[in-house]
PDB file of all heavy atoms in Angstrom:
ATOM      1  N   ALA A   1      -7.383 -24.029 -19.335  1.00  0.00           N
ATOM      2  CA  ALA A   1      -6.054 -23.793 -18.757  1.00  0.00           C
ATOM      3  C   ALA A   1      -4.940 -24.304 -19.668  1.00  0.00           C
ATOM      4  O   ALA A   1      -3.959 -23.595 -19.915  1.00  0.00           O
ATOM      5  CB  ALA A   1      -5.947 -24.435 -17.381  1.00  0.00           C
ATOM      6  N   GLY A   2      -5.067 -25.512 -20.164  1.00  0.00           N
ATOM      7  CA  GLY A   2      -4.032 -26.071 -21.043  1.00  0.00           C
ATOM      8  C   GLY A   2      -3.852 -25.262 -22.300  1.00  0.00           C
ATOM      9  O   GLY A   2      -2.722 -24.969 -22.717  1.00  0.00           O
ATOM     10  N   ASN A   3      -4.954 -24.883 -22.920  1.00  0.00           N
ATOM     11  CA  ASN A   3      -4.878 -24.071 -24.137  1.00  0.00           C
ATOM     12  C   ASN A   3      -4.260 -22.712 -23.845  1.00  0.00           C
ATOM     13  O   ASN A   3      -3.485 -22.197 -24.654  1.00  0.00           O
ATOM     14  CB  ASN A   3      -6.267 -23.899 -24.752  1.00  0.00           C
ATOM     15  CG  ASN A   3      -6.778 -25.184 -25.360  1.00  0.00           C
ATOM     16  OD1 ASN A   3      -6.006 -26.061 -25.719  1.00  0.00           O
ATOM     17  ND2 ASN A   3      -8.088 -25.311 -25.458  1.00  0.00           N
ATOM     18  N   ASN A   4      -4.604 -22.129 -22.684  1.00  0.00           N
ATOM     19  CA  ASN A   4      -4.036 -20.829 -22.322  1.00  0.00           C
ATOM     20  C   ASN A   4      -2.528 -20.928 -22.108  1.00  0.00           C
ATOM     21  O   ASN A   4      -1.780 -20.048 -22.535  1.00  0.00           O
ATOM     22  CB  ASN A   4      -4.713 -20.279 -21.059  1.00  0.00           C
ATOM     23  CG  ASN A   4      -6.150 -19.894 -21.307  1.00  0.00           C
ATOM     24  OD1 ASN A   4      -6.567 -19.667 -22.436  1.00  0.00           O
ATOM     25  ND2 ASN A   4      -6.926 -19.825 -20.237  1.00  0.00           N
ATOM     26  N   VAL A   5      -2.089 -21.984 -21.444  1.00  0.00           N
ATOM     27  CA  VAL A   5      -0.659 -22.172 -21.218  1.00  0.00           C
ATOM     28  C   VAL A   5       0.071 -22.305 -22.553  1.00  0.00           C
ATOM     29  O   VAL A   5       1.087 -21.647 -22.788  1.00  0.00           O
ATOM     30  CB  VAL A   5      -0.392 -23.405 -20.317  1.00  0.00           C
ATOM     31  CG1 VAL A   5       1.079 -23.777 -20.308  1.00  0.00           C
ATOM     32  CG2 VAL A   5      -0.889 -23.147 -18.907  1.00  0.00           C
ATOM     33  N   LEU A   6      -0.445 -23.146 -23.427  1.00  0.00           N
ATOM     34  CA  LEU A   6       0.202 -23.320 -24.736  1.00  0.00           C
ATOM     35  C   LEU A   6       0.200 -22.022 -25.539  1.00  0.00           C
ATOM     36  O   LEU A   6       1.195 -21.687 -26.185  1.00  0.00           O
ATOM     37  CB  LEU A   6      -0.486 -24.432 -25.528  1.00  0.00           C
ATOM     38  CG  LEU A   6      -0.074 -25.851 -25.172  1.00  0.00           C
ATOM     39  CD1 LEU A   6      -0.917 -26.873 -25.919  1.00  0.00           C
ATOM     40  CD2 LEU A   6       1.404 -26.069 -25.452  1.00  0.00           C
ATOM     41  N   ALA A   7      -0.895 -21.301 -25.513  1.00  0.00           N
ATOM     42  CA  ALA A   7      -0.972 -20.031 -26.248  1.00  0.00           C
ATOM     43  C   ALA A   7       0.067 -19.041 -25.718  1.00  0.00           C
ATOM     44  O   ALA A   7       0.733 -18.340 -26.504  1.00  0.00           O
ATOM     45  CB  ALA A   7      -2.378 -19.450 -26.154  1.00  0.00           C
ATOM     46  N   ASN A   8       0.226 -18.990 -24.402  1.00  0.00           N
ATOM     47  CA  ASN A   8       1.227 -18.089 -23.827  1.00  0.00           C
ATOM     48  C   ASN A   8       2.649 -18.539 -24.140  1.00  0.00           C
ATOM     49  O   ASN A   8       3.518 -17.716 -24.439  1.00  0.00           O
ATOM     50  CB  ASN A   8       1.016 -17.943 -22.319  1.00  0.00           C
ATOM     51  CG  ASN A   8      -0.130 -17.011 -22.015  1.00  0.00           C
ATOM     52  OD1 ASN A   8      -0.139 -15.870 -22.466  1.00  0.00           O
ATOM     53  ND2 ASN A   8      -1.102 -17.493 -21.264  1.00  0.00           N
ATOM     54  N   LEU A   9       2.894 -19.835 -24.087  1.00  0.00           N
ATOM     55  CA  LEU A   9       4.218 -20.341 -24.461  1.00  0.00           C
ATOM     56  C   LEU A   9       4.515 -20.050 -25.926  1.00  0.00           C
ATOM     57  O   LEU A   9       5.644 -19.690 -26.277  1.00  0.00           O
ATOM     58  CB  LEU A   9       4.317 -21.844 -24.179  1.00  0.00           C
ATOM     59  CG  LEU A   9       4.460 -22.236 -22.714  1.00  0.00           C
ATOM     60  CD1 LEU A   9       4.344 -23.746 -22.555  1.00  0.00           C
ATOM     61  CD2 LEU A   9       5.769 -21.723 -22.139  1.00  0.00           C
ATOM     62  N   GLN A  10       3.516 -20.200 -26.785  1.00  0.00           N
ATOM     63  CA  GLN A  10       3.680 -19.884 -28.208  1.00  0.00           C
ATOM     64  C   GLN A  10       4.005 -18.400 -28.374  1.00  0.00           C
ATOM     65  O   GLN A  10       4.872 -18.030 -29.164  1.00  0.00           O
ATOM     66  CB  GLN A  10       2.415 -20.278 -28.994  1.00  0.00           C
ATOM     67  CG  GLN A  10       2.375 -19.825 -30.435  1.00  0.00           C
ATOM     68  CD  GLN A  10       3.303 -20.580 -31.365  1.00  0.00           C
ATOM     69  OE1 GLN A  10       4.296 -21.171 -30.956  1.00  0.00           O
ATOM     70  NE2 GLN A  10       2.999 -20.537 -32.638  1.00  0.00           N
ATOM     71  N   ASP A  11       3.325 -17.551 -27.635  1.00  0.00           N
ATOM     72  CA  ASP A  11       3.581 -16.117 -27.692  1.00  0.00           C
ATOM     73  C   ASP A  11       5.010 -15.807 -27.246  1.00  0.00           C
ATOM     74  O   ASP A  11       5.734 -15.052 -27.910  1.00  0.00           O
ATOM     75  CB  ASP A  11       2.562 -15.372 -26.824  1.00  0.00           C
ATOM     76  CG  ASP A  11       2.700 -13.866 -26.943  1.00  0.00           C
ATOM     77  OD1 ASP A  11       2.722 -13.352 -28.082  1.00  0.00           O
ATOM     78  OD2 ASP A  11       2.787 -13.197 -25.880  1.00  0.00           O
ATOM     79  N   PHE A  12       5.440 -16.402 -26.135  1.00  0.00           N
ATOM     80  CA  PHE A  12       6.817 -16.211 -25.668  1.00  0.00           C
ATOM     81  C   PHE A  12       7.805 -16.678 -26.731  1.00  0.00           C
ATOM     82  O   PHE A  12       8.802 -16.015 -27.010  1.00  0.00           O
ATOM     83  CB  PHE A  12       7.082 -16.991 -24.380  1.00  0.00           C
ATOM     84  CG  PHE A  12       6.383 -16.467 -23.157  1.00  0.00           C
ATOM     85  CD1 PHE A  12       6.173 -17.304 -22.078  1.00  0.00           C
ATOM     86  CD2 PHE A  12       5.931 -15.165 -23.075  1.00  0.00           C
ATOM     87  CE1 PHE A  12       5.535 -16.841 -20.935  1.00  0.00           C
ATOM     88  CE2 PHE A  12       5.288 -14.689 -21.939  1.00  0.00           C
ATOM     89  CZ  PHE A  12       5.094 -15.537 -20.869  1.00  0.00           C
ATOM     90  N   ARG A  13       7.535 -17.827 -27.288  1.00  0.00           N
ATOM     91  CA  ARG A  13       8.426 -18.428 -28.288  1.00  0.00           C
ATOM     92  C   ARG A  13       8.579 -17.532 -29.504  1.00  0.00           C
ATOM     93  O   ARG A  13       9.688 -17.284 -29.978  1.00  0.00           O
ATOM     94  CB  ARG A  13       7.848 -19.796 -28.686  1.00  0.00           C
ATOM     95  CG  ARG A  13       8.718 -20.640 -29.543  1.00  0.00           C
ATOM     96  CD  ARG A  13       7.994 -21.941 -29.868  1.00  0.00           C
ATOM     97  NE  ARG A  13       7.058 -21.780 -30.951  1.00  0.00           N
ATOM     98  CZ  ARG A  13       7.400 -21.651 -32.228  1.00  0.00           C
ATOM     99  NH1 ARG A  13       8.661 -21.657 -32.577  1.00  0.00           N
ATOM    100  NH2 ARG A  13       6.489 -21.519 -33.164  1.00  0.00           N
ATOM    101  N   THR A  14       7.454 -17.045 -30.021  1.00  0.00           N
ATOM    102  CA  THR A  14       7.517 -16.210 -31.230  1.00  0.00           C
ATOM    103  C   THR A  14       8.172 -14.860 -30.949  1.00  0.00           C
ATOM    104  O   THR A  14       8.738 -14.253 -31.851  1.00  0.00           O
ATOM    105  CB  THR A  14       6.122 -15.998 -31.852  1.00  0.00           C
ATOM    106  OG1 THR A  14       5.255 -15.407 -30.885  1.00  0.00           O
ATOM    107  CG2 THR A  14       5.542 -17.313 -32.352  1.00  0.00           C
ATOM    108  N   LYS A  15       8.119 -14.417 -29.694  1.00  0.00           N
ATOM    109  CA  LYS A  15       8.784 -13.159 -29.314  1.00  0.00           C
ATOM    110  C   LYS A  15      10.245 -13.381 -28.920  1.00  0.00           C
ATOM    111  O   LYS A  15      10.974 -12.426 -28.669  1.00  0.00           O
ATOM    112  CB  LYS A  15       8.025 -12.495 -28.164  1.00  0.00           C
ATOM    113  CG  LYS A  15       6.688 -11.949 -28.588  1.00  0.00           C
ATOM    114  CD  LYS A  15       5.940 -11.336 -27.427  1.00  0.00           C
ATOM    115  CE  LYS A  15       4.608 -10.773 -27.916  1.00  0.00           C
ATOM    116  NZ  LYS A  15       3.768 -10.343 -26.776  1.00  0.00           N
ATOM    117  N   GLY A  16      10.646 -14.636 -28.849  1.00  0.00           N
ATOM    118  CA  GLY A  16      12.031 -14.944 -28.503  1.00  0.00           C
ATOM    119  C   GLY A  16      12.352 -14.718 -27.035  1.00  0.00           C
ATOM    120  O   GLY A  16      13.472 -14.347 -26.698  1.00  0.00           O
ATOM    121  N   ILE A  17      11.363 -14.956 -26.152  1.00  0.00           N
ATOM    122  CA  ILE A  17      11.614 -14.814 -24.719  1.00  0.00           C
ATOM    123  C   ILE A  17      11.223 -16.107 -23.995  1.00  0.00           C
ATOM    124  O   ILE A  17      10.349 -16.845 -24.428  1.00  0.00           O
ATOM    125  CB  ILE A  17      10.854 -13.616 -24.108  1.00  0.00           C
ATOM    126  CG1 ILE A  17       9.345 -13.705 -24.371  1.00  0.00           C
ATOM    127  CG2 ILE A  17      11.393 -12.302 -24.651  1.00  0.00           C
ATOM    128  CD1 ILE A  17       8.523 -12.624 -23.692  1.00  0.00           C
ATOM    129  N   LEU A  18      11.911 -16.380 -22.908  1.00  0.00           N
ATOM    130  CA  LEU A  18      11.630 -17.526 -22.038  1.00  0.00           C
ATOM    131  C   LEU A  18      11.650 -18.885 -22.752  1.00  0.00           C
ATOM    132  O   LEU A  18      10.931 -19.798 -22.385  1.00  0.00           O
ATOM    133  CB  LEU A  18      10.302 -17.337 -21.295  1.00  0.00           C
ATOM    134  CG  LEU A  18      10.229 -16.142 -20.349  1.00  0.00           C
ATOM    135  CD1 LEU A  18       8.846 -16.056 -19.716  1.00  0.00           C
ATOM    136  CD2 LEU A  18      11.304 -16.213 -19.276  1.00  0.00           C
ATOM    137  N   TYR A  19      12.466 -19.023 -23.764  1.00  0.00           N
ATOM    138  CA  TYR A  19      12.656 -20.308 -24.435  1.00  0.00           C
ATOM    139  C   TYR A  19      13.879 -20.973 -23.817  1.00  0.00           C
ATOM    140  O   TYR A  19      14.697 -20.311 -23.178  1.00  0.00           O
ATOM    141  CB  TYR A  19      12.833 -20.126 -25.946  1.00  0.00           C
ATOM    142  CG  TYR A  19      14.001 -19.239 -26.308  1.00  0.00           C
ATOM    143  CD1 TYR A  19      15.275 -19.777 -26.459  1.00  0.00           C
ATOM    144  CD2 TYR A  19      13.845 -17.868 -26.461  1.00  0.00           C
ATOM    145  CE1 TYR A  19      16.367 -18.968 -26.767  1.00  0.00           C
ATOM    146  CE2 TYR A  19      14.923 -17.063 -26.769  1.00  0.00           C
ATOM    147  CZ  TYR A  19      16.176 -17.615 -26.918  1.00  0.00           C
ATOM    148  OH  TYR A  19      17.250 -16.827 -27.210  1.00  0.00           O
ATOM    149  N   ASP A  20      14.016 -22.288 -24.007  1.00  0.00           N
ATOM    150  CA  ASP A  20      15.199 -22.950 -23.461  1.00  0.00           C
ATOM    151  C   ASP A  20      15.966 -23.770 -24.489  1.00  0.00           C
ATOM    152  O   ASP A  20      16.931 -24.438 -24.159  1.00  0.00           O
ATOM    153  CB  ASP A  20      14.843 -23.801 -22.239  1.00  0.00           C
ATOM    154  CG  ASP A  20      13.885 -24.937 -22.541  1.00  0.00           C
ATOM    155  OD1 ASP A  20      13.431 -25.053 -23.693  1.00  0.00           O
ATOM    156  OD2 ASP A  20      13.585 -25.708 -21.615  1.00  0.00           O
ATOM    157  N   VAL A  21      15.545 -23.685 -25.756  1.00  0.00           N
ATOM    158  CA  VAL A  21      16.283 -24.355 -26.830  1.00  0.00           C
ATOM    159  C   VAL A  21      16.036 -23.614 -28.136  1.00  0.00           C
ATOM    160  O   VAL A  21      14.968 -23.034 -28.339  1.00  0.00           O
ATOM    161  CB  VAL A  21      15.887 -25.852 -26.954  1.00  0.00           C
ATOM    162  CG1 VAL A  21      14.466 -26.014 -27.440  1.00  0.00           C
ATOM    163  CG2 VAL A  21      16.859 -26.614 -27.835  1.00  0.00           C
ATOM    164  N   VAL A  22      17.062 -23.621 -28.976  1.00  0.00           N
ATOM    165  CA  VAL A  22      16.946 -23.037 -30.312  1.00  0.00           C
ATOM    166  C   VAL A  22      17.289 -24.134 -31.310  1.00  0.00           C
ATOM    167  O   VAL A  22      18.361 -24.735 -31.234  1.00  0.00           O
ATOM    168  CB  VAL A  22      17.921 -21.847 -30.513  1.00  0.00           C
ATOM    169  CG1 VAL A  22      17.796 -21.294 -31.919  1.00  0.00           C
ATOM    170  CG2 VAL A  22      17.667 -20.766 -29.489  1.00  0.00           C
ATOM    171  N   LEU A  23      16.352 -24.414 -32.206  1.00  0.00           N
ATOM    172  CA  LEU A  23      16.618 -25.370 -33.277  1.00  0.00           C
ATOM    173  C   LEU A  23      17.191 -24.591 -34.449  1.00  0.00           C
ATOM    174  O   LEU A  23      16.553 -23.665 -34.963  1.00  0.00           O
ATOM    175  CB  LEU A  23      15.325 -26.085 -33.689  1.00  0.00           C
ATOM    176  CG  LEU A  23      14.570 -26.807 -32.578  1.00  0.00           C
ATOM    177  CD1 LEU A  23      13.300 -27.441 -33.130  1.00  0.00           C
ATOM    178  CD2 LEU A  23      15.446 -27.847 -31.903  1.00  0.00           C
ATOM    179  N   LYS A  24      18.390 -24.942 -34.854  1.00  0.00           N
ATOM    180  CA  LYS A  24      19.034 -24.283 -35.984  1.00  0.00           C
ATOM    181  C   LYS A  24      18.895 -25.207 -37.186  1.00  0.00           C
ATOM    182  O   LYS A  24      19.450 -26.308 -37.198  1.00  0.00           O
ATOM    183  CB  LYS A  24      20.499 -23.992 -35.684  1.00  0.00           C
ATOM    184  CG  LYS A  24      21.166 -23.196 -36.769  1.00  0.00           C
ATOM    185  CD  LYS A  24      22.581 -22.841 -36.393  1.00  0.00           C
ATOM    186  CE  LYS A  24      23.206 -22.067 -37.530  1.00  0.00           C
ATOM    187  NZ  LYS A  24      24.624 -21.854 -37.332  1.00  0.00           N
ATOM    188  N   ILE A  25      18.122 -24.750 -38.168  1.00  0.00           N
ATOM    189  CA  ILE A  25      17.854 -25.557 -39.355  1.00  0.00           C
ATOM    190  C   ILE A  25      18.080 -24.671 -40.573  1.00  0.00           C
ATOM    191  O   ILE A  25      17.441 -23.625 -40.704  1.00  0.00           O
ATOM    192  CB  ILE A  25      16.419 -26.102 -39.344  1.00  0.00           C
ATOM    193  CG1 ILE A  25      16.154 -26.888 -38.060  1.00  0.00           C
ATOM    194  CG2 ILE A  25      16.164 -26.967 -40.578  1.00  0.00           C
ATOM    195  CD1 ILE A  25      14.710 -27.236 -37.830  1.00  0.00           C
ATOM    196  N   GLU A  26      18.997 -25.108 -41.432  1.00  0.00           N
ATOM    197  CA  GLU A  26      19.406 -24.310 -42.585  1.00  0.00           C
ATOM    198  C   GLU A  26      19.827 -22.947 -42.049  1.00  0.00           C
ATOM    199  O   GLU A  26      20.705 -22.867 -41.214  1.00  0.00           O
ATOM    200  CB  GLU A  26      18.290 -24.244 -43.634  1.00  0.00           C
ATOM    201  CG  GLU A  26      17.942 -25.603 -44.226  1.00  0.00           C
ATOM    202  CD  GLU A  26      16.676 -25.626 -45.069  1.00  0.00           C
ATOM    203  OE1 GLU A  26      15.918 -24.628 -45.082  1.00  0.00           O
ATOM    204  OE2 GLU A  26      16.443 -26.668 -45.712  1.00  0.00           O
ATOM    205  N   ASP A  27      19.195 -21.876 -42.470  1.00  0.00           N
ATOM    206  CA  ASP A  27      19.575 -20.546 -41.981  1.00  0.00           C
ATOM    207  C   ASP A  27      18.539 -19.982 -41.007  1.00  0.00           C
ATOM    208  O   ASP A  27      18.551 -18.802 -40.697  1.00  0.00           O
ATOM    209  CB  ASP A  27      19.775 -19.583 -43.156  1.00  0.00           C
ATOM    210  CG  ASP A  27      18.521 -19.411 -43.994  1.00  0.00           C
ATOM    211  OD1 ASP A  27      17.587 -20.227 -43.858  1.00  0.00           O
ATOM    212  OD2 ASP A  27      18.473 -18.463 -44.800  1.00  0.00           O
ATOM    213  N   GLN A  28      17.664 -20.846 -40.498  1.00  0.00           N
ATOM    214  CA  GLN A  28      16.609 -20.410 -39.593  1.00  0.00           C
ATOM    215  C   GLN A  28      16.898 -20.823 -38.157  1.00  0.00           C
ATOM    216  O   GLN A  28      17.488 -21.873 -37.906  1.00  0.00           O
ATOM    217  CB  GLN A  28      15.262 -21.020 -39.996  1.00  0.00           C
ATOM    218  CG  GLN A  28      14.417 -20.104 -40.821  1.00  0.00           C
ATOM    219  CD  GLN A  28      12.989 -20.659 -40.934  1.00  0.00           C
ATOM    220  OE1 GLN A  28      12.754 -21.864 -40.935  1.00  0.00           O
ATOM    221  NE2 GLN A  28      12.046 -19.761 -41.048  1.00  0.00           N
ATOM    222  N   MET A  29      16.436 -19.986 -37.250  1.00  0.00           N
ATOM    223  CA  MET A  29      16.509 -20.286 -35.821  1.00  0.00           C
ATOM    224  C   MET A  29      15.068 -20.397 -35.324  1.00  0.00           C
ATOM    225  O   MET A  29      14.286 -19.468 -35.481  1.00  0.00           O
ATOM    226  CB  MET A  29      17.226 -19.172 -35.066  1.00  0.00           C
ATOM    227  CG  MET A  29      18.602 -18.850 -35.630  1.00  0.00           C
ATOM    228  SD  MET A  29      19.790 -20.119 -35.297  1.00  0.00           S
ATOM    229  CE  MET A  29      20.519 -19.494 -33.824  1.00  0.00           C
ATOM    230  N   ILE A  30      14.728 -21.545 -34.739  1.00  0.00           N
ATOM    231  CA  ILE A  30      13.380 -21.772 -34.222  1.00  0.00           C
ATOM    232  C   ILE A  30      13.479 -21.883 -32.703  1.00  0.00           C
ATOM    233  O   ILE A  30      14.081 -22.816 -32.178  1.00  0.00           O
ATOM    234  CB  ILE A  30      12.768 -23.056 -34.824  1.00  0.00           C
ATOM    235  CG1 ILE A  30      12.710 -22.968 -36.346  1.00  0.00           C
ATOM    236  CG2 ILE A  30      11.387 -23.313 -34.242  1.00  0.00           C
ATOM    237  CD1 ILE A  30      12.328 -24.268 -37.036  1.00  0.00           C
ATOM    238  N   PHE A  31      12.895 -20.917 -32.013  1.00  0.00           N
ATOM    239  CA  PHE A  31      12.886 -20.917 -30.559  1.00  0.00           C
ATOM    240  C   PHE A  31      11.820 -21.895 -30.071  1.00  0.00           C
ATOM    241  O   PHE A  31      10.748 -21.983 -30.658  1.00  0.00           O
ATOM    242  CB  PHE A  31      12.594 -19.514 -30.015  1.00  0.00           C
ATOM    243  CG  PHE A  31      13.574 -18.477 -30.476  1.00  0.00           C
ATOM    244  CD1 PHE A  31      13.219 -17.536 -31.423  1.00  0.00           C
ATOM    245  CD2 PHE A  31      14.856 -18.453 -29.959  1.00  0.00           C
ATOM    246  CE1 PHE A  31      14.120 -16.587 -31.856  1.00  0.00           C
ATOM    247  CE2 PHE A  31      15.776 -17.498 -30.383  1.00  0.00           C
ATOM    248  CZ  PHE A  31      15.406 -16.562 -31.335  1.00  0.00           C
ATOM    249  N   ALA A  32      12.116 -22.596 -28.993  1.00  0.00           N
ATOM    250  CA  ALA A  32      11.155 -23.576 -28.480  1.00  0.00           C
ATOM    251  C   ALA A  32      11.433 -23.888 -27.017  1.00  0.00           C
ATOM    252  O   ALA A  32      12.375 -23.360 -26.417  1.00  0.00           O
ATOM    253  CB  ALA A  32      11.209 -24.857 -29.314  1.00  0.00           C
ATOM    254  N   HIS A  33      10.599 -24.751 -26.474  1.00  0.00           N
ATOM    255  CA  HIS A  33      10.735 -25.234 -25.106  1.00  0.00           C
ATOM    256  C   HIS A  33      10.947 -26.744 -25.158  1.00  0.00           C
ATOM    257  O   HIS A  33      10.163 -27.462 -25.782  1.00  0.00           O
ATOM    258  CB  HIS A  33       9.470 -24.902 -24.304  1.00  0.00           C
ATOM    259  CG  HIS A  33       9.174 -23.445 -24.274  1.00  0.00           C
ATOM    260  ND1 HIS A  33       8.384 -22.831 -25.225  1.00  0.00           N
ATOM    261  CD2 HIS A  33       9.587 -22.477 -23.430  1.00  0.00           C
ATOM    262  CE1 HIS A  33       8.314 -21.538 -24.955  1.00  0.00           C
ATOM    263  NE2 HIS A  33       9.031 -21.299 -23.873  1.00  0.00           N
ATOM    264  N   ARG A  34      11.993 -27.199 -24.525  1.00  0.00           N
ATOM    265  CA  ARG A  34      12.314 -28.628 -24.532  1.00  0.00           C
ATOM    266  C   ARG A  34      11.110 -29.486 -24.128  1.00  0.00           C
ATOM    267  O   ARG A  34      10.864 -30.527 -24.705  1.00  0.00           O
ATOM    268  CB  ARG A  34      13.464 -28.912 -23.565  1.00  0.00           C
ATOM    269  CG  ARG A  34      14.822 -28.585 -24.070  1.00  0.00           C
ATOM    270  CD  ARG A  34      15.847 -28.805 -22.932  1.00  0.00           C
ATOM    271  NE  ARG A  34      17.201 -28.843 -23.383  1.00  0.00           N
ATOM    272  CZ  ARG A  34      17.873 -27.819 -23.906  1.00  0.00           C
ATOM    273  NH1 ARG A  34      17.280 -26.663 -24.062  1.00  0.00           N
ATOM    274  NH2 ARG A  34      19.129 -27.942 -24.284  1.00  0.00           N
TER     275      ARG A  34
END
């Protein structure tokens, strides 16, 4: 269950959906969950 949740959150993050924070570093935007 834990691995599945993380895998799905990673999938959402890489697709740019359902994230709640964006880390702006240099010219990159990294989507993530607080």
